[in-house]
PDB file of N, CA and C in Angstrom:
ATOM      1  N   MET A   1     -14.295   1.283  32.165  1.00  0.00           N
ATOM      2  CA  MET A   1     -13.521   0.227  31.588  1.00  0.00           C
ATOM      3  C   MET A   1     -14.283  -0.365  30.410  1.00  0.00           C
ATOM      4  N   ALA A   2     -13.582  -0.719  29.350  1.00  0.00           N
ATOM      5  CA  ALA A   2     -14.205  -1.281  28.160  1.00  0.00           C
ATOM      6  C   ALA A   2     -14.728  -2.687  28.463  1.00  0.00           C
ATOM      7  N   THR A   3     -15.861  -3.014  27.873  1.00  0.00           N
ATOM      8  CA  THR A   3     -16.410  -4.355  28.059  1.00  0.00           C
ATOM      9  C   THR A   3     -16.071  -5.206  26.857  1.00  0.00           C
ATOM     10  N   ARG A   4     -15.884  -6.489  27.077  1.00  0.00           N
ATOM     11  CA  ARG A   4     -15.550  -7.404  25.989  1.00  0.00           C
ATOM     12  C   ARG A   4     -16.627  -8.484  25.934  1.00  0.00           C
ATOM     13  N   GLN A   5     -17.165  -8.701  24.758  1.00  0.00           N
ATOM     14  CA  GLN A   5     -18.173  -9.725  24.551  1.00  0.00           C
ATOM     15  C   GLN A   5     -17.556 -10.865  23.771  1.00  0.00           C
ATOM     16  N   THR A   6     -18.247 -11.977  23.697  1.00  0.00           N
ATOM     17  CA  THR A   6     -17.781 -13.086  22.873  1.00  0.00           C
ATOM     18  C   THR A   6     -18.766 -13.295  21.744  1.00  0.00           C
ATOM     19  N   SER A   7     -18.238 -13.710  20.591  1.00  0.00           N
ATOM     20  CA  SER A   7     -19.093 -13.949  19.434  1.00  0.00           C
ATOM     21  C   SER A   7     -19.737 -15.317  19.560  1.00  0.00           C
ATOM     22  N   SER A   8     -20.623 -15.638  18.639  1.00  0.00           N
ATOM     23  CA  SER A   8     -21.290 -16.935  18.664  1.00  0.00           C
ATOM     24  C   SER A   8     -20.304 -18.083  18.450  1.00  0.00           C
ATOM     25  N   SER A   9     -19.156 -17.784  17.830  1.00  0.00           N
ATOM     26  CA  SER A   9     -18.148 -18.828  17.632  1.00  0.00           C
ATOM     27  C   SER A   9     -17.257 -19.001  18.855  1.00  0.00           C
ATOM     28  N   GLY A  10     -17.444 -18.146  19.871  1.00  0.00           N
ATOM     29  CA  GLY A  10     -16.660 -18.256  21.087  1.00  0.00           C
ATOM     30  C   GLY A  10     -15.432 -17.368  21.121  1.00  0.00           C
ATOM     31  N   ARG A  11     -15.107 -16.744  19.993  1.00  0.00           N
ATOM     32  CA  ARG A  11     -13.939 -15.849  19.960  1.00  0.00           C
ATOM     33  C   ARG A  11     -14.312 -14.512  20.589  1.00  0.00           C
ATOM     34  N   PRO A  12     -13.367 -13.875  21.281  1.00  0.00           N
ATOM     35  CA  PRO A  12     -13.685 -12.577  21.897  1.00  0.00           C
ATOM     36  C   PRO A  12     -13.818 -11.478  20.840  1.00  0.00           C
ATOM     37  N   LYS A  13     -14.790 -10.619  21.037  1.00  0.00           N
ATOM     38  CA  LYS A  13     -14.965  -9.453  20.168  1.00  0.00           C
ATOM     39  C   LYS A  13     -14.065  -8.334  20.659  1.00  0.00           C
ATOM     40  N   SER A  14     -13.922  -7.297  19.840  1.00  0.00           N
ATOM     41  CA  SER A  14     -13.147  -6.124  20.238  1.00  0.00           C
ATOM     42  C   SER A  14     -13.821  -5.456  21.429  1.00  0.00           C
ATOM     43  N   PRO A  15     -13.036  -4.832  22.298  1.00  0.00           N
ATOM     44  CA  PRO A  15     -13.638  -4.128  23.447  1.00  0.00           C
ATOM     45  C   PRO A  15     -14.561  -3.011  22.970  1.00  0.00           C
ATOM     46  N   ARG A  16     -15.591  -2.738  23.747  1.00  0.00           N
ATOM     47  CA  ARG A  16     -16.562  -1.705  23.405  1.00  0.00           C
ATOM     48  C   ARG A  16     -16.619  -0.687  24.521  1.00  0.00           C
ATOM     49  N   ILE A  17     -16.823   0.567  24.132  1.00  0.00           N
ATOM     50  CA  ILE A  17     -17.004   1.633  25.108  1.00  0.00           C
ATOM     51  C   ILE A  17     -18.281   2.372  24.768  1.00  0.00           C
ATOM     52  N   GLN A  18     -18.764   3.135  25.709  1.00  0.00           N
ATOM     53  CA  GLN A  18     -19.966   3.930  25.487  1.00  0.00           C
ATOM     54  C   GLN A  18     -19.619   5.380  25.773  1.00  0.00           C
ATOM     55  N   VAL A  19     -20.007   6.269  24.864  1.00  0.00           N
ATOM     56  CA  VAL A  19     -19.687   7.689  24.980  1.00  0.00           C
ATOM     57  C   VAL A  19     -20.969   8.490  24.808  1.00  0.00           C
ATOM     58  N   VAL A  20     -21.121   9.519  25.594  1.00  0.00           N
ATOM     59  CA  VAL A  20     -22.265  10.425  25.473  1.00  0.00           C
ATOM     60  C   VAL A  20     -21.751  11.718  24.853  1.00  0.00           C
ATOM     61  N   LEU A  21     -22.356  12.124  23.729  1.00  0.00           N
ATOM     62  CA  LEU A  21     -21.917  13.314  22.995  1.00  0.00           C
ATOM     63  C   LEU A  21     -23.013  14.371  22.993  1.00  0.00           C
ATOM     64  N   PRO A  22     -22.626  15.628  22.969  1.00  0.00           N
ATOM     65  CA  PRO A  22     -23.625  16.686  22.758  1.00  0.00           C
ATOM     66  C   PRO A  22     -24.226  16.542  21.354  1.00  0.00           C
ATOM     67  N   GLU A  23     -25.429  17.020  21.182  1.00  0.00           N
ATOM     68  CA  GLU A  23     -26.124  16.856  19.897  1.00  0.00           C
ATOM     69  C   GLU A  23     -25.341  17.449  18.735  1.00  0.00           C
ATOM     70  N   ASP A  24     -24.765  18.631  18.933  1.00  0.00           N
ATOM     71  CA  ASP A  24     -24.022  19.285  17.858  1.00  0.00           C
ATOM     72  C   ASP A  24     -22.816  18.443  17.432  1.00  0.00           C
ATOM     73  N   LEU A  25     -22.077  17.925  18.409  1.00  0.00           N
ATOM     74  CA  LEU A  25     -20.909  17.107  18.091  1.00  0.00           C
ATOM     75  C   LEU A  25     -21.326  15.812  17.405  1.00  0.00           C
ATOM     76  N   CYS A  26     -22.425  15.222  17.842  1.00  0.00           N
ATOM     77  CA  CYS A  26     -22.930  13.997  17.213  1.00  0.00           C
ATOM     78  C   CYS A  26     -23.326  14.263  15.756  1.00  0.00           C
ATOM     79  N   ARG A  27     -23.967  15.405  15.515  1.00  0.00           N
ATOM     80  CA  ARG A  27     -24.362  15.759  14.148  1.00  0.00           C
ATOM     81  C   ARG A  27     -23.125  15.944  13.273  1.00  0.00           C
ATOM     82  N   ARG A  28     -22.110  16.658  13.795  1.00  0.00           N
ATOM     83  CA  ARG A  28     -20.881  16.879  13.029  1.00  0.00           C
ATOM     84  C   ARG A  28     -20.167  15.558  12.743  1.00  0.00           C
ATOM     85  N   LEU A  29     -20.154  14.660  13.715  1.00  0.00           N
ATOM     86  CA  LEU A  29     -19.545  13.344  13.520  1.00  0.00           C
ATOM     87  C   LEU A  29     -20.286  12.565  12.440  1.00  0.00           C
ATOM     88  N   ALA A  30     -21.607  12.625  12.458  1.00  0.00           N
ATOM     89  CA  ALA A  30     -22.412  11.932  11.446  1.00  0.00           C
ATOM     90  C   ALA A  30     -22.151  12.507  10.053  1.00  0.00           C
ATOM     91  N   GLU A  31     -21.982  13.830   9.955  1.00  0.00           N
ATOM     92  CA  GLU A  31     -21.692  14.457   8.660  1.00  0.00           C
ATOM     93  C   GLU A  31     -20.326  14.018   8.139  1.00  0.00           C
ATOM     94  N   LEU A  32     -19.330  13.965   9.022  1.00  0.00           N
ATOM     95  CA  LEU A  32     -18.009  13.483   8.608  1.00  0.00           C
ATOM     96  C   LEU A  32     -18.076  12.040   8.137  1.00  0.00           C
ATOM     97  N   ALA A  33     -18.796  11.216   8.882  1.00  0.00           N
ATOM     98  CA  ALA A  33     -18.927   9.803   8.522  1.00  0.00           C
ATOM     99  C   ALA A  33     -19.601   9.657   7.167  1.00  0.00           C
ATOM    100  N   ASP A  34     -20.641  10.437   6.938  1.00  0.00           N
ATOM    101  CA  ASP A  34     -21.360  10.379   5.666  1.00  0.00           C
ATOM    102  C   ASP A  34     -20.461  10.818   4.509  1.00  0.00           C
ATOM    103  N   ALA A  35     -19.653  11.849   4.733  1.00  0.00           N
ATOM    104  CA  ALA A  35     -18.765  12.352   3.679  1.00  0.00           C
ATOM    105  C   ALA A  35     -17.703  11.327   3.302  1.00  0.00           C
ATOM    106  N   GLU A  36     -17.309  10.469   4.232  1.00  0.00           N
ATOM    107  CA  GLU A  36     -16.285   9.465   3.959  1.00  0.00           C
ATOM    108  C   GLU A  36     -16.864   8.071   3.775  1.00  0.00           C
ATOM    109  N   ALA A  37     -18.184   7.981   3.655  1.00  0.00           N
ATOM    110  CA  ALA A  37     -18.883   6.706   3.453  1.00  0.00           C
ATOM    111  C   ALA A  37     -18.507   5.695   4.535  1.00  0.00           C
ATOM    112  N   ARG A  38     -18.544   6.140   5.780  1.00  0.00           N
ATOM    113  CA  ARG A  38     -18.247   5.288   6.928  1.00  0.00           C
ATOM    114  C   ARG A  38     -19.456   5.272   7.849  1.00  0.00           C
ATOM    115  N   THR A  39     -19.469   4.301   8.754  1.00  0.00           N
ATOM    116  CA  THR A  39     -20.473   4.341   9.813  1.00  0.00           C
ATOM    117  C   THR A  39     -20.010   5.361  10.846  1.00  0.00           C
ATOM    118  N   VAL A  40     -20.935   5.828  11.652  1.00  0.00           N
ATOM    119  CA  VAL A  40     -20.587   6.793  12.692  1.00  0.00           C
ATOM    120  C   VAL A  40     -19.607   6.145  13.672  1.00  0.00           C
ATOM    121  N   SER A  41     -19.825   4.886  14.023  1.00  0.00           N
ATOM    122  CA  SER A  41     -18.927   4.195  14.949  1.00  0.00           C
ATOM    123  C   SER A  41     -17.523   4.090  14.387  1.00  0.00           C
ATOM    124  N   ASN A  42     -17.418   3.756  13.092  1.00  0.00           N
ATOM    125  CA  ASN A  42     -16.104   3.625  12.476  1.00  0.00           C
ATOM    126  C   ASN A  42     -15.415   4.983  12.392  1.00  0.00           C
ATOM    127  N   MET A  43     -16.172   6.028  12.078  1.00  0.00           N
ATOM    128  CA  MET A  43     -15.578   7.364  12.011  1.00  0.00           C
ATOM    129  C   MET A  43     -15.082   7.792  13.384  1.00  0.00           C
ATOM    130  N   ALA A  44     -15.840   7.488  14.421  1.00  0.00           N
ATOM    131  CA  ALA A  44     -15.420   7.817  15.782  1.00  0.00           C
ATOM    132  C   ALA A  44     -14.141   7.065  16.132  1.00  0.00           C
ATOM    133  N   ARG A  45     -14.050   5.789  15.745  1.00  0.00           N
ATOM    134  CA  ARG A  45     -12.850   5.002  16.014  1.00  0.00           C
ATOM    135  C   ARG A  45     -11.640   5.604  15.322  1.00  0.00           C
ATOM    136  N   VAL A  46     -11.799   6.002  14.056  1.00  0.00           N
ATOM    137  CA  VAL A  46     -10.695   6.597  13.292  1.00  0.00           C
ATOM    138  C   VAL A  46     -10.234   7.900  13.949  1.00  0.00           C
ATOM    139  N   LEU A  47     -11.175   8.756  14.321  1.00  0.00           N
ATOM    140  CA  LEU A  47     -10.818  10.033  14.931  1.00  0.00           C
ATOM    141  C   LEU A  47     -10.176   9.854  16.309  1.00  0.00           C
ATOM    142  N   ILE A  48     -10.678   8.903  17.084  1.00  0.00           N
ATOM    143  CA  ILE A  48     -10.070   8.618  18.387  1.00  0.00           C
ATOM    144  C   ILE A  48      -8.653   8.095  18.198  1.00  0.00           C
ATOM    145  N   GLN A  49      -8.473   7.204  17.229  1.00  0.00           N
ATOM    146  CA  GLN A  49      -7.139   6.650  16.968  1.00  0.00           C
ATOM    147  C   GLN A  49      -6.165   7.758  16.569  1.00  0.00           C
ATOM    148  N   GLN A  50      -6.585   8.660  15.684  1.00  0.00           N
ATOM    149  CA  GLN A  50      -5.721   9.768  15.266  1.00  0.00           C
ATOM    150  C   GLN A  50      -5.394  10.680  16.443  1.00  0.00           C
ATOM    151  N   GLY A  51      -6.377  10.950  17.281  1.00  0.00           N
ATOM    152  CA  GLY A  51      -6.155  11.805  18.435  1.00  0.00           C
ATOM    153  C   GLY A  51      -5.199  11.173  19.443  1.00  0.00           C
ATOM    154  N   VAL A  52      -5.338   9.879  19.678  1.00  0.00           N
ATOM    155  CA  VAL A  52      -4.436   9.183  20.602  1.00  0.00           C
ATOM    156  C   VAL A  52      -3.016   9.184  20.046  1.00  0.00           C
ATOM    157  N   GLU A  53      -2.862   8.915  18.741  1.00  0.00           N
ATOM    158  CA  GLU A  53      -1.528   8.916  18.134  1.00  0.00           C
ATOM    159  C   GLU A  53      -0.893  10.308  18.211  1.00  0.00           C
ATOM    160  N   ARG A  54      -1.673  11.340  17.969  1.00  0.00           N
ATOM    161  CA  ARG A  54      -1.164  12.707  18.049  1.00  0.00           C
ATOM    162  C   ARG A  54      -0.744  13.037  19.483  1.00  0.00           C
ATOM    163  N   HIS A  55      -1.565  12.613  20.442  1.00  0.00           N
ATOM    164  CA  HIS A  55      -1.252  12.862  21.849  1.00  0.00           C
ATOM    165  C   HIS A  55       0.024  12.116  22.258  1.00  0.00           C
ATOM    166  N   GLU A  56       0.160  10.876  21.833  1.00  0.00           N
ATOM    167  CA  GLU A  56       1.358  10.100  22.153  1.00  0.00           C
ATOM    168  C   GLU A  56       2.601  10.718  21.516  1.00  0.00           C
ATOM    169  N   ALA A  57       2.458  11.238  20.300  1.00  0.00           N
ATOM    170  CA  ALA A  57       3.601  11.862  19.627  1.00  0.00           C
ATOM    171  C   ALA A  57       4.040  13.119  20.381  1.00  0.00           C
ATOM    172  N   ARG A  58       3.097  13.873  20.889  1.00  0.00           N
ATOM    173  CA  ARG A  58       3.431  15.082  21.653  1.00  0.00           C
ATOM    174  C   ARG A  58       4.109  14.723  22.967  1.00  0.00           C
ATOM    175  N   ARG A  59       3.648  13.652  23.613  1.00  0.00           N
ATOM    176  CA  ARG A  59       4.250  13.226  24.875  1.00  0.00           C
ATOM    177  C   ARG A  59       5.660  12.706  24.668  1.00  0.00           C
ATOM    178  N   ALA A  60       5.937  12.155  23.491  1.00  0.00           N
ATOM    179  CA  ALA A  60       7.269  11.622  23.210  1.00  0.00           C
ATOM    180  C   ALA A  60       8.295  12.737  23.060  1.00  0.00           C
ATOM    181  N   LEU A  61       7.856  13.943  22.755  1.00  0.00           N
ATOM    182  CA  LEU A  61       8.746  15.089  22.574  1.00  0.00           C
ATOM    183  C   LEU A  61       8.396  16.178  23.585  1.00  0.00           C
ATOM    184  N   PRO A  62       8.713  15.993  24.874  1.00  0.00           N
ATOM    185  CA  PRO A  62       8.287  16.981  25.873  1.00  0.00           C
ATOM    186  C   PRO A  62       9.014  18.316  25.765  1.00  0.00           C
ATOM    187  N   HIS A  63      10.208  18.337  25.144  1.00  0.00           N
ATOM    188  CA  HIS A  63      10.955  19.580  25.039  1.00  0.00           C
ATOM    189  C   HIS A  63      10.408  20.508  23.960  1.00  0.00           C
ATOM    190  N   GLN A  64       9.552  20.014  23.082  1.00  0.00           N
ATOM    191  CA  GLN A  64       9.011  20.808  21.982  1.00  0.00           C
ATOM    192  C   GLN A  64       7.639  21.353  22.362  1.00  0.00           C
ATOM    193  N   PRO A  65       7.443  22.674  22.340  1.00  0.00           N
ATOM    194  CA  PRO A  65       6.120  23.227  22.637  1.00  0.00           C
ATOM    195  C   PRO A  65       5.094  22.745  21.623  1.00  0.00           C
ATOM    196  N   GLN A  66       3.884  22.513  22.084  1.00  0.00           N
ATOM    197  CA  GLN A  66       2.844  21.977  21.211  1.00  0.00           C
ATOM    198  C   GLN A  66       2.482  22.925  20.081  1.00  0.00           C
ATOM    199  N   SER A  67       2.587  24.227  20.304  1.00  0.00           N
ATOM    200  CA  SER A  67       2.149  25.182  19.294  1.00  0.00           C
ATOM    201  C   SER A  67       3.165  25.372  18.173  1.00  0.00           C
ATOM    202  N   LEU A  68       4.436  24.993  18.396  1.00  0.00           N
ATOM    203  CA  LEU A  68       5.457  25.255  17.388  1.00  0.00           C
ATOM    204  C   LEU A  68       5.601  24.124  16.373  1.00  0.00           C
ATOM    205  N   GLY A  69       5.536  22.901  16.799  1.00  0.00           N
ATOM    206  CA  GLY A  69       5.805  21.773  15.910  1.00  0.00           C
ATOM    207  C   GLY A  69       4.572  21.303  15.184  1.00  0.00           C
ATOM    208  N   PRO A  70       4.703  21.051  13.887  1.00  0.00           N
ATOM    209  CA  PRO A  70       3.550  20.520  13.169  1.00  0.00           C
ATOM    210  C   PRO A  70       3.331  19.065  13.561  1.00  0.00           C
ATOM    211  N   GLY A  71       2.098  18.723  13.830  1.00  0.00           N
ATOM    212  CA  GLY A  71       1.768  17.354  14.200  1.00  0.00           C
ATOM    213  C   GLY A  71       1.492  16.510  12.970  1.00  0.00           C
ATOM    214  N   PRO A  72       1.105  15.263  13.177  1.00  0.00           N
ATOM    215  CA  PRO A  72       0.803  14.379  12.049  1.00  0.00           C
ATOM    216  C   PRO A  72      -0.315  14.913  11.157  1.00  0.00           C
ATOM    217  N   ALA A  73      -1.278  15.600  11.756  1.00  0.00           N
ATOM    218  CA  ALA A  73      -2.382  16.140  10.950  1.00  0.00           C
ATOM    219  C   ALA A  73      -1.869  17.215   9.998  1.00  0.00           C
ATOM    220  N   ALA A  74      -0.932  18.043  10.455  1.00  0.00           N
ATOM    221  CA  ALA A  74      -0.366  19.085   9.600  1.00  0.00           C
ATOM    222  C   ALA A  74       0.427  18.466   8.453  1.00  0.00           C
ATOM    223  N   ALA A  75       1.175  17.403   8.739  1.00  0.00           N
ATOM    224  CA  ALA A  75       1.939  16.724   7.690  1.00  0.00           C
ATOM    225  C   ALA A  75       0.992  16.099   6.664  1.00  0.00           C
ATOM    226  N   ASP A  76      -0.119  15.527   7.140  1.00  0.00           N
ATOM    227  CA  ASP A  76      -1.109  14.958   6.223  1.00  0.00           C
ATOM    228  C   ASP A  76      -1.731  16.041   5.355  1.00  0.00           C
ATOM    229  N   ALA A  77      -1.990  17.193   5.938  1.00  0.00           N
ATOM    230  CA  ALA A  77      -2.587  18.302   5.186  1.00  0.00           C
ATOM    231  C   ALA A  77      -1.628  18.800   4.109  1.00  0.00           C
ATOM    232  N   VAL A  78      -0.338  18.882   4.436  1.00  0.00           N
ATOM    233  CA  VAL A  78       0.664  19.317   3.453  1.00  0.00           C
ATOM    234  C   VAL A  78       0.746  18.315   2.308  1.00  0.00           C
ATOM    235  N   ALA A  79       0.768  17.028   2.646  1.00  0.00           N
ATOM    236  CA  ALA A  79       0.828  15.993   1.611  1.00  0.00           C
ATOM    237  C   ALA A  79      -0.425  16.032   0.729  1.00  0.00           C
ATOM    238  N   ALA A  80      -1.577  16.256   1.333  1.00  0.00           N
ATOM    239  CA  ALA A  80      -2.822  16.336   0.568  1.00  0.00           C
ATOM    240  C   ALA A  80      -2.810  17.543  -0.366  1.00  0.00           C
ATOM    241  N   ASP A  81      -2.294  18.674   0.122  1.00  0.00           N
ATOM    242  CA  ASP A  81      -2.204  19.870  -0.721  1.00  0.00           C
ATOM    243  C   ASP A  81      -1.276  19.644  -1.908  1.00  0.00           C
ATOM    244  N   ARG A  82      -0.140  19.003  -1.662  1.00  0.00           N
ATOM    245  CA  ARG A  82       0.782  18.711  -2.776  1.00  0.00           C
ATOM    246  C   ARG A  82       0.134  17.806  -3.810  1.00  0.00           C
ATOM    247  N   PHE A  83      -0.551  16.768  -3.339  1.00  0.00           N
ATOM    248  CA  PHE A  83      -1.221  15.839  -4.251  1.00  0.00           C
ATOM    249  C   PHE A  83      -2.293  16.563  -5.062  1.00  0.00           C
ATOM    250  N   ARG A  84      -3.059  17.418  -4.389  1.00  0.00           N
ATOM    251  CA  ARG A  84      -4.118  18.179  -5.069  1.00  0.00           C
ATOM    252  C   ARG A  84      -3.518  19.095  -6.129  1.00  0.00           C
ATOM    253  N   GLN A  85      -2.405  19.763  -5.809  1.00  0.00           N
ATOM    254  CA  GLN A  85      -1.750  20.647  -6.775  1.00  0.00           C
ATOM    255  C   GLN A  85      -1.244  19.875  -7.983  1.00  0.00           C
ATOM    256  N   GLN A  86      -0.698  18.676  -7.760  1.00  0.00           N
ATOM    257  CA  GLN A  86      -0.236  17.858  -8.883  1.00  0.00           C
ATOM    258  C   GLN A  86      -1.405  17.487  -9.788  1.00  0.00           C
ATOM    259  N   LEU A  87      -2.526  17.121  -9.192  1.00  0.00           N
ATOM    260  CA  LEU A  87      -3.697  16.769  -9.997  1.00  0.00           C
ATOM    261  C   LEU A  87      -4.213  17.972 -10.792  1.00  0.00           C
ATOM    262  N   GLU A  88      -4.187  19.142 -10.166  1.00  0.00           N
ATOM    263  CA  GLU A  88      -4.676  20.336 -10.842  1.00  0.00           C
ATOM    264  C   GLU A  88      -3.762  20.759 -11.990  1.00  0.00           C
ATOM    265  N   ARG A  89      -2.481  20.448 -11.911  1.00  0.00           N
ATOM    266  CA  ARG A  89      -1.545  20.804 -12.981  1.00  0.00           C
ATOM    267  C   ARG A  89      -1.689  19.903 -14.208  1.00  0.00           C
ATOM    268  N   GLN A  90      -2.222  18.720 -14.022  1.00  0.00           N
ATOM    269  CA  GLN A  90      -2.356  17.796 -15.150  1.00  0.00           C
ATOM    270  C   GLN A  90      -3.382  18.334 -16.138  1.00  0.00           C
ATOM    271  N   ARG A  91      -3.030  18.209 -17.397  1.00  0.00           N
ATOM    272  CA  ARG A  91      -3.977  18.616 -18.434  1.00  0.00           C
ATOM    273  C   ARG A  91      -4.932  17.459 -18.688  1.00  0.00           C
ATOM    274  N   THR A  92      -6.193  17.757 -18.662  1.00  0.00           N
ATOM    275  CA  THR A  92      -7.196  16.732 -18.927  1.00  0.00           C
ATOM    276  C   THR A  92      -8.114  17.217 -20.037  1.00  0.00           C
ATOM    277  N   ARG A  93      -8.526  16.296 -20.865  1.00  0.00           N
ATOM    278  CA  ARG A  93      -9.478  16.626 -21.916  1.00  0.00           C
ATOM    279  C   ARG A  93     -10.877  16.401 -21.371  1.00  0.00           C
ATOM    280  N   ARG A  94     -11.677  17.412 -21.415  1.00  0.00           N
ATOM    281  CA  ARG A  94     -13.035  17.319 -20.892  1.00  0.00           C
ATOM    282  C   ARG A  94     -13.920  16.558 -21.863  1.00  0.00           C
ATOM    283  N   LEU A  95     -14.769  15.722 -21.327  1.00  0.00           N
ATOM    284  CA  LEU A  95     -15.727  14.994 -22.159  1.00  0.00           C
ATOM    285  C   LEU A  95     -16.963  15.849 -22.377  1.00  0.00           C
ATOM    286  N   ARG A  96     -17.426  15.869 -23.616  1.00  0.00           N
ATOM    287  CA  ARG A  96     -18.657  16.604 -23.905  1.00  0.00           C
ATOM    288  C   ARG A  96     -19.878  15.762 -23.570  1.00  0.00           C
ATOM    289  N   ARG A  97     -19.737  14.482 -23.682  1.00  0.00           N
ATOM    290  CA  ARG A  97     -20.817  13.551 -23.336  1.00  0.00           C
ATOM    291  C   ARG A  97     -20.172  12.245 -22.897  1.00  0.00           C
ATOM    292  N   ALA A  98     -20.984  11.333 -22.469  1.00  0.00           N
ATOM    293  CA  ALA A  98     -20.448  10.046 -22.035  1.00  0.00           C
ATOM    294  C   ALA A  98     -19.850   9.318 -23.240  1.00  0.00           C
ATOM    295  N   PRO A  99     -18.730   8.628 -23.067  1.00  0.00           N
ATOM    296  CA  PRO A  99     -18.117   7.919 -24.190  1.00  0.00           C
ATOM    297  C   PRO A  99     -19.021   6.775 -24.665  1.00  0.00           C
ATOM    298  N   ARG A 100     -18.993   6.547 -25.976  1.00  0.00           N
ATOM    299  CA  ARG A 100     -19.808   5.475 -26.539  1.00  0.00           C
ATOM    300  C   ARG A 100     -19.214   4.107 -26.224  1.00  0.00           C
ATOM    301  N   ARG A 101     -17.915   4.049 -26.173  1.00  0.00           N
ATOM    302  CA  ARG A 101     -17.248   2.808 -25.802  1.00  0.00           C
ATOM    303  C   ARG A 101     -15.962   3.165 -25.075  1.00  0.00           C
ATOM    304  N   LEU A 102     -15.541   2.276 -24.260  1.00  0.00           N
ATOM    305  CA  LEU A 102     -14.320   2.499 -23.506  1.00  0.00           C
ATOM    306  C   LEU A 102     -13.151   1.882 -24.251  1.00  0.00           C
ATOM    307  N   ARG A 103     -12.055   2.566 -24.307  1.00  0.00           N
ATOM    308  CA  ARG A 103     -10.834   2.048 -24.905  1.00  0.00           C
ATOM    309  C   ARG A 103      -9.838   1.821 -23.793  1.00  0.00           C
ATOM    310  N   LEU A 104      -9.443   0.601 -23.618  1.00  0.00           N
ATOM    311  CA  LEU A 104      -8.478   0.270 -22.589  1.00  0.00           C
ATOM    312  C   LEU A 104      -7.092   0.329 -23.182  1.00  0.00           C
ATOM    313  N   GLN A 105      -6.190   0.984 -22.492  1.00  0.00           N
ATOM    314  CA  GLN A 105      -4.805   1.078 -22.973  1.00  0.00           C
ATOM    315  C   GLN A 105      -3.963   0.087 -22.204  1.00  0.00           C
ATOM    316  N   ARG A 106      -3.147  -0.621 -22.930  1.00  0.00           N
ATOM    317  CA  ARG A 106      -2.250  -1.580 -22.275  1.00  0.00           C
ATOM    318  C   ARG A 106      -1.018  -0.840 -21.776  1.00  0.00           C
ATOM    319  N   PRO A 107      -0.549  -1.215 -20.590  1.00  0.00           N
ATOM    320  CA  PRO A 107       0.667  -0.561 -20.080  1.00  0.00           C
ATOM    321  C   PRO A 107       1.871  -0.898 -20.937  1.00  0.00           C
ATOM    322  N   ASP A 108       2.762   0.045 -21.075  1.00  0.00           N
ATOM    323  CA  ASP A 108       3.951  -0.178 -21.903  1.00  0.00           C
ATOM    324  C   ASP A 108       4.926  -1.108 -21.258  1.00  0.00           C
TER     325      ASP A 108
END
């Protein structure tokens, strides 16, 4: 069961849990956290939240086999691929060196 502490102001803090991970999984979690500029605890919270949401979505549709339907992660991957393709199609002028001054353009 999660434990709840109180802060110095008397307000309750978020519940806390303790998890024991194998070294390899802990290292991989730390690498993911570092790549996204997050703490390991925050990265674990994000991944747990995504996993719980995915599990709840699968339970909501019991008639659909898990292997056939794309889950939220697949939809996110498709959206990310589309966004990446749009960025790659844009023509950009490469800088040869750092600009001497920045020119700000006003929106039309």
